Amino acid sequence: MKSILIIGLGRFGRHMAQKFLEGGHEVMAIDYNEERADDAVGDIQQILIGDATEERFMETLGIRNFDLAVIAIGENFQTVLEITVLLKDLGCKYIVARATRDVHKKLLLRNGADYVSYAEREVAERLAIKFGADTIFDYVELTPEIGIYEIAVPKKWLGKSMVELSIRTQYHVSVMATKKNNKIFPLPHPTHVFEQDESVMVMGSAEDIEAIT
């Protein structure tokens, strides 16, 4: 279980908080807007009303005790930057921030952020990949070059095992899991034979995935 600080209770922050709570983590949320805080009380038990750019207020939270801080504010870059710098100065272990522009991402990373999310862009890219190809069912980006794709079993793989296909050597992708009847089977045995009614989760570059789908 991790201790997580969420700063900002807009739609993005509230959704993040709920997902962390569902995962069994401890969440504290902050928002300067009393109305937004009141609206979230039913979902998040620990909510403080305060200004995350105020050093005295933030010092009272024991920032070093949190495993992760998420700055879920997207509309005001200056505020996000100020909070990032303050969290870093207070010893935050890991900082996730939001950005809408590449230059903002660079500045945040240079000033203490460990990871910067383009929330809307990432959702748009994932949906474009998911719905733009008939054989790709889902996608998770690991780096700008590499992702994990859930795809239909390629026709040339049907009835053959991973050993027969020499997948890593021949196709330059790694099989992470198979999925059948909504059940996931991680790290299939090399003798696993691919079937028509299953999908496969593979890790690789967009170019290599495109070559096999």
Protein backbone atom coordinates (compact mmCIF):
# COMPACT_ATOMS: atom_id res chain seq x y z
CA MET A 1 0.00 0.00 0.00
CA LYS A 2 1.27 3.45 -0.96
CA SER A 3 0.56 6.82 0.59
CA ILE A 4 -0.49 9.23 -2.17
CA LEU A 5 -1.10 12.97 -2.24
CA ILE A 6 -3.47 14.31 -4.90
CA ILE A 7 -3.38 18.07 -5.51
CA GLY A 8 -6.45 19.32 -7.34
CA LEU A 9 -9.91 17.76 -7.36
CA GLY A 10 -11.06 18.46 -10.88
CA ARG A 11 -12.20 15.53 -13.00
CA PHE A 12 -8.66 14.23 -13.54
CA GLY A 13 -7.62 14.48 -9.89
CA ARG A 14 -10.82 13.00 -8.56
CA HIS A 15 -10.64 10.08 -10.99
CA MET A 16 -7.00 9.43 -10.05
CA ALA A 17 -7.88 9.47 -6.37
CA GLN A 18 -10.72 7.01 -6.86
CA LYS A 19 -8.52 4.63 -8.84
CA PHE A 20 -5.80 4.71 -6.20
CA LEU A 21 -8.36 4.03 -3.47
CA GLU A 22 -9.77 1.12 -5.46
CA GLY A 23 -6.23 -0.24 -5.60
CA GLY A 24 -6.04 -0.25 -1.80
CA HIS A 25 -3.81 2.79 -1.40
CA GLU A 26 -4.08 5.59 1.13
CA VAL A 27 -5.04 8.90 -0.44
CA MET A 28 -5.03 12.46 0.82
CA ALA A 29 -6.40 15.15 -1.48
CA ILE A 30 -5.98 18.93 -1.48
CA ASP A 31 -8.00 21.61 -3.22
CA TYR A 32 -8.29 25.34 -2.56
CA ASN A 33 -11.91 25.30 -3.78
CA GLU A 34 -14.26 24.40 -0.93
CA GLU A 35 -17.12 23.48 -3.26
CA ARG A 36 -15.01 20.97 -5.21
CA ALA A 37 -13.74 19.49 -1.95
CA ASP A 38 -17.30 19.10 -0.62
CA ASP A 39 -18.38 17.38 -3.85
CA ALA A 40 -15.62 14.79 -3.47
CA VAL A 41 -16.21 13.97 0.20
CA GLY A 42 -18.39 10.98 -0.66
CA ASP A 43 -15.55 9.36 -2.60
CA ILE A 44 -12.43 10.51 -0.74
CA GLN A 45 -12.28 10.54 3.04
CA GLN A 46 -9.12 12.58 3.57
CA ILE A 47 -9.52 16.01 1.98
CA LEU A 48 -7.91 19.26 3.02
CA ILE A 49 -8.86 22.72 1.80
CA GLY A 50 -5.77 24.81 1.19
CA ASP A 51 -3.41 26.46 -1.26
CA ALA A 52 -0.71 24.03 -2.42
CA THR A 53 1.52 26.94 -3.46
CA GLU A 54 1.75 28.13 0.16
CA GLU A 55 4.91 26.75 1.77
CA ARG A 56 3.66 26.95 5.37
CA PHE A 57 0.53 24.98 4.53
CA MET A 58 2.47 22.33 2.63
CA GLU A 59 5.02 21.97 5.42
CA THR A 60 2.24 20.83 7.77
CA LEU A 61 1.47 17.83 5.54
CA GLY A 62 4.72 15.93 6.06
CA ILE A 63 5.46 15.69 2.33
CA ARG A 64 8.36 13.29 2.89
CA ASN A 65 5.91 10.70 4.20
CA PHE A 66 4.08 10.38 0.87
CA ASP A 67 5.30 7.84 -1.68
CA LEU A 68 3.83 9.82 -4.54
CA ALA A 69 2.37 13.25 -5.21
CA VAL A 70 0.12 13.89 -8.22
CA ILE A 71 -0.35 17.51 -9.30
CA ALA A 72 -3.71 17.12 -11.03
CA ILE A 73 -4.04 20.76 -12.08
CA GLY A 74 -3.99 21.36 -15.81
CA GLU A 75 -5.34 24.83 -16.47
CA ASN A 76 -2.59 26.94 -14.89
CA PHE A 77 0.99 26.03 -15.77
CA GLN A 78 2.54 28.62 -13.45
CA THR A 79 0.72 27.06 -10.50
CA VAL A 80 1.78 23.55 -11.49
CA LEU A 81 5.40 24.67 -11.77
CA GLU A 82 5.33 26.42 -8.38
CA ILE A 83 3.86 23.36 -6.68
CA THR A 84 6.40 21.08 -8.39
CA VAL A 85 9.33 23.15 -7.12
CA LEU A 86 7.83 23.36 -3.63
CA LEU A 87 7.22 19.61 -3.43
CA LYS A 88 10.79 18.95 -4.52
CA ASP A 89 12.14 21.38 -1.92
CA LEU A 90 10.08 19.65 0.77
CA GLY A 91 11.56 16.25 -0.09
CA CYS A 92 8.76 14.63 -2.09
CA LYS A 93 9.84 11.16 -3.21
CA TYR A 94 8.11 11.09 -6.60
CA ILE A 95 6.19 13.83 -8.41
CA VAL A 96 3.69 13.36 -11.25
CA ALA A 97 2.52 16.54 -12.98
CA ARG A 98 0.24 17.44 -15.89
CA ALA A 99 1.20 19.43 -18.97
CA THR A 100 -0.49 20.52 -22.18
CA ARG A 101 2.59 21.60 -24.13
CA ASP A 102 6.02 20.09 -24.81
CA VAL A 103 7.83 23.16 -23.47
CA HIS A 104 5.87 22.87 -20.21
CA LYS A 105 6.86 19.22 -19.91
CA LYS A 106 10.54 20.09 -20.30
CA LEU A 107 10.34 22.82 -17.67
CA LEU A 108 8.54 20.58 -15.19
CA LEU A 109 11.07 17.78 -15.62
CA ARG A 110 13.93 20.23 -15.13
CA ASN A 111 12.37 21.60 -11.96
CA GLY A 112 11.58 18.45 -10.01
CA ALA A 113 8.85 16.43 -11.73
CA ASP A 114 9.65 12.75 -12.16
CA TYR A 115 6.90 12.08 -14.70
CA VAL A 116 4.76 14.43 -16.76
CA SER A 117 1.41 13.36 -18.16
CA TYR A 118 -0.36 14.75 -21.18
CA ALA A 119 -3.68 13.51 -19.83
CA GLU A 120 -5.93 14.43 -22.75
CA ARG A 121 -3.28 13.64 -25.36
CA GLU A 122 -2.54 10.23 -23.88
CA VAL A 123 -6.22 9.29 -23.86
CA ALA A 124 -6.63 10.53 -27.44
CA GLU A 125 -3.59 8.59 -28.66
CA ARG A 126 -4.71 5.41 -26.91
CA LEU A 127 -8.21 5.64 -28.37
CA ALA A 128 -6.88 6.44 -31.83
CA ILE A 129 -4.73 3.31 -31.76
CA LYS A 130 -7.47 1.18 -30.22
CA PHE A 131 -10.22 2.19 -32.63
CA GLY A 132 -8.06 2.90 -35.66
CA ALA A 133 -7.16 -0.74 -36.29
CA ASP A 134 -9.55 -3.69 -36.38
CA THR A 135 -6.98 -6.09 -34.92
CA ILE A 136 -5.77 -3.91 -32.00
CA PHE A 137 -8.03 -4.09 -28.94
CA ASP A 138 -6.05 -2.02 -26.44
CA TYR A 139 -2.75 -0.23 -25.99
CA VAL A 140 -0.50 0.99 -23.16
CA GLU A 141 2.47 3.24 -23.94
CA LEU A 142 5.67 2.39 -22.06
CA THR A 143 7.94 4.83 -23.87
CA PRO A 144 7.37 6.93 -27.01
CA GLU A 145 8.80 4.00 -28.99
CA ILE A 146 7.56 0.91 -27.14
CA GLY A 147 4.10 -0.15 -25.98
CA ILE A 148 2.05 -3.16 -24.95
CA TYR A 149 -0.68 -4.01 -27.44
CA GLU A 150 -3.61 -6.39 -27.10
CA ILE A 151 -4.12 -7.78 -30.58
CA ALA A 152 -6.03 -10.53 -32.33
CA VAL A 153 -3.84 -13.59 -32.86
CA PRO A 154 -2.22 -13.07 -36.28
CA LYS A 155 -3.53 -15.56 -38.84
CA LYS A 156 -0.03 -16.89 -39.49
CA TRP A 157 0.32 -17.73 -35.79
CA LEU A 158 -2.86 -19.83 -35.53
CA GLY A 159 -2.27 -23.47 -34.72
CA LYS A 160 1.42 -22.87 -34.02
CA SER A 161 3.40 -22.62 -30.81
CA MET A 162 5.70 -19.81 -29.67
CA VAL A 163 8.69 -22.12 -30.14
CA GLU A 164 7.70 -22.95 -33.72
CA LEU A 165 7.24 -19.29 -34.57
CA SER A 166 10.47 -18.04 -32.90
CA ILE A 167 8.50 -14.89 -32.11
CA ARG A 168 11.25 -12.75 -30.58
CA THR A 169 13.74 -13.55 -33.32
CA GLN A 170 11.34 -13.53 -36.24
CA TYR A 171 8.96 -10.72 -35.28
CA HIS A 172 10.97 -8.65 -32.73
CA VAL A 173 8.14 -8.60 -30.16
CA SER A 174 7.64 -10.25 -26.76
CA VAL A 175 4.47 -12.12 -25.81
CA MET A 176 3.43 -10.93 -22.35
CA ALA A 177 0.12 -12.79 -22.00
CA THR A 178 -2.81 -14.38 -23.78
CA LYS A 179 -6.47 -13.61 -23.14
CA LYS A 180 -9.45 -15.91 -23.55
CA ASN A 181 -13.03 -15.53 -22.29
CA ASN A 182 -11.98 -12.29 -20.53
CA LYS A 183 -9.33 -14.16 -18.52
CA ILE A 184 -5.67 -13.20 -18.80
CA PHE A 185 -2.96 -15.87 -18.78
CA PRO A 186 0.42 -14.18 -18.21
CA LEU A 187 3.73 -15.43 -19.59
CA PRO A 188 2.44 -18.33 -21.70
CA HIS A 189 4.65 -21.41 -21.96
CA PRO A 190 6.81 -21.61 -25.11
CA THR A 191 4.78 -24.66 -26.17
CA HIS A 192 1.50 -22.70 -26.06
CA VAL A 193 -0.43 -23.09 -29.31
CA PHE A 194 -2.32 -20.00 -30.46
CA GLU A 195 -6.05 -20.37 -31.05
CA GLN A 196 -8.66 -18.44 -33.02
CA ASP A 197 -10.77 -17.36 -30.04
CA GLU A 198 -8.00 -15.72 -28.00
CA SER A 199 -6.10 -12.47 -28.11
CA VAL A 200 -2.46 -11.90 -27.31
CA MET A 201 -0.67 -9.12 -25.45
CA VAL A 202 2.64 -8.26 -27.06
CA MET A 203 5.31 -5.69 -26.29
CA GLY A 204 7.12 -4.00 -29.13
CA SER A 205 7.41 -0.96 -31.36
CA ALA A 206 4.50 0.37 -33.39
CA GLU A 207 6.31 -0.67 -36.59
CA ASP A 208 6.82 -4.26 -35.45
CA ILE A 209 3.24 -4.56 -34.22
CA GLU A 210 1.94 -3.21 -37.51
CA ALA A 211 4.00 -5.79 -39.37
CA ILE A 212 2.28 -8.72 -37.65
CA THR A 213 -1.32 -7.43 -37.51
